[in-house]
Structures are given as C-alpha cells and as structure tokens.
Amino acid sequence: MILTPTLSTEETAVQEPSPYYDASTDTLWMFYSGGWASPSLHLASCSGDADPSDSANWTKHGRVLGQGVGGVAGPVVHSTVYVESGTVYVYAPDAVNGGNLQCYSCLLADLPAPTWTLHGTVLAPSGSATGLVNASVVKAGAGDYRMMVESSTATQWQTGYATGTSPTGPFTMNTFPVTGLQIGSGTFGGPWLDGAAGAWRLRYHASTTSNIPTSIYEATSTDLINWTRAPAPLIVRTNASEVDQVADYASATSTFGATAFWDGMDNPHSAGVILASTVSGRNLAS
C-alpha cells in the first residue's frame, strides 16, 4: 500500500485515487478522498522519476477541498479529476443539493495550494440515476467530451454514459445504465475510462450480488454504451487491507513508468487504504 490514513483529516480511510502526471514539473499528483465521517479531497505528490508503488516516495499535502477548505463547507467525496491545458477539473457530488454532479477547477501550476472556482452543476440526476458520483472524463475531439459516471439507484450503484461540449459541462446523460458491465445482479461502478472514439477501454469495480464484495474488471466498447467484459477480474482481493473491496481503479504514466492505483476497503470498520502496482494487472498480484 502507498497511502494509509495518517492525518487527522483522513480519519480511518483514504480512498478513490485520481492521479495525474505533470511532465512540465516531473511530478505525479494524487488527488484522493480522505476521511469517513467527514470526507474531503486531499492531495499527495511523488517525483516523476521515483517508484510510485513505494510509499516512502509520496508527500502528503493535506486537505485541499471540502470541510471548510476551498470555499466548500461540507464534504467532498467520490470525486475524480480531469486535466486539460493547465487546468485541473474536479467532479464531485453536490452534498447540499441532492444528487447533482458539480465541477470545480484550479490551475495546475498552483498545486499544492490551489485556489478553486466552482462551475456549478455539470450533470443532473435523470431517470433511475439519482445520485451521481465518480465521473471519468475523456476528450474525444474538439468540443466532444465523454463521461462514464457512477450513480446510486434505488438498490445499488450502476454506471452510465454522458456527453458534453466542455469540461465544465453541461453534460447530458446518454444511457443509464450501460450494458455488458454487470455481473449477475451485482453493482458496477468506479469507472476509469481511456482509449479513443471507436476503441474505448474501461476499468471498473463490480460485485456478483448486492454491492460488495467487489473486484476490478476491464471492458471494451466501440460506442461507450455496449460493453464487452473480460471474463477474469483484473485485480482481486489479496492483501489484508482488502477486506470486502478492491475498487476505484485509476492509472497514470510518469517518467518512472505506468502505475495502477486502487483502494482496498474494510467497510465494516470504516477503513480504506490506497494501493499501487507498476505491473500491468495484479494478477498483477504483487
């Protein structure tokens, strides 16, 4: 594991890693959720030429958004990051106005002490998608942004597909839920999207029944609506910290190389850690 809850603001859990490598400063930034009862967005960094899977190479910068920081009084959790042209965009649920997904932005050059701008709601609940979280955004072309987004429903977490014309939205839900990701009657969420138009790849976590336990899977699609899932999981629970979930896959490529990140959860004890591997797939089991 690379990050464990050591700061008071992290309480008993760190989770939901969202990394970005800044080549201009050779810095690997890691945004993540810290805290369980009072969660907020935290930030850590690692030199681009250092091994990101070694916890000794990470420096924590503490809480950067939420719980009174960055102009947000309440929690910031289930958030993700997209970076374009020197601007960092954070997507997070609106804790005040129900299930809306909001966007905040700051300048990449201002890290690790960002000043945030709130852009308001970028995607509103629709149909059975009632609580939007964990959005993964990719630019497919000029004025063409694709979003895979998780949402709560009446019974479980599922994943849908939305489109927009800018990182700050508004986005419109195209399809919810998408097909091919669900295993049995289980949950499917925590999407991490990459690829390009006609050749998309998704890493996500899923269970076979209910919401837990989860493993991390890989799927491909040509249209972001109909997905083909690889039969075997990419990452399974192996470490003692991965009690009932491996979840929230993310990846980044720094000077050191490509690194996969995910969280290991112990939901009964409100605990979580962030893990990493520089091997492609933990079956990948290091």
Foldseek 3Di string as FASTA:
>chain_A
DQFAPDDVQQPFAKFQWAWDADQVQQKIKIWIWGDQPAIAIWIKIFRLQDDSQHNVRIDTPGGQGACPHLPHNGHWHLKYWDDDPQKIKIWTADPPPFAFIWIKMFGNVPPPHTRIDTLGGQEADDDQQGHKGQWAWDAQDQQWIKIWIWGDGPFEIAIFIWIARDPRHNIYTDDPHAPAQAAAAKHKDLWHWDDYAQWIKIWIWIDNDGYKQIAIWMWIDNHRRHIHTDPDGLGDDDDPQQPIYWGNWDWYQGPNGIKIKTKRHDVVVSHITMGMARDRGCCVVD
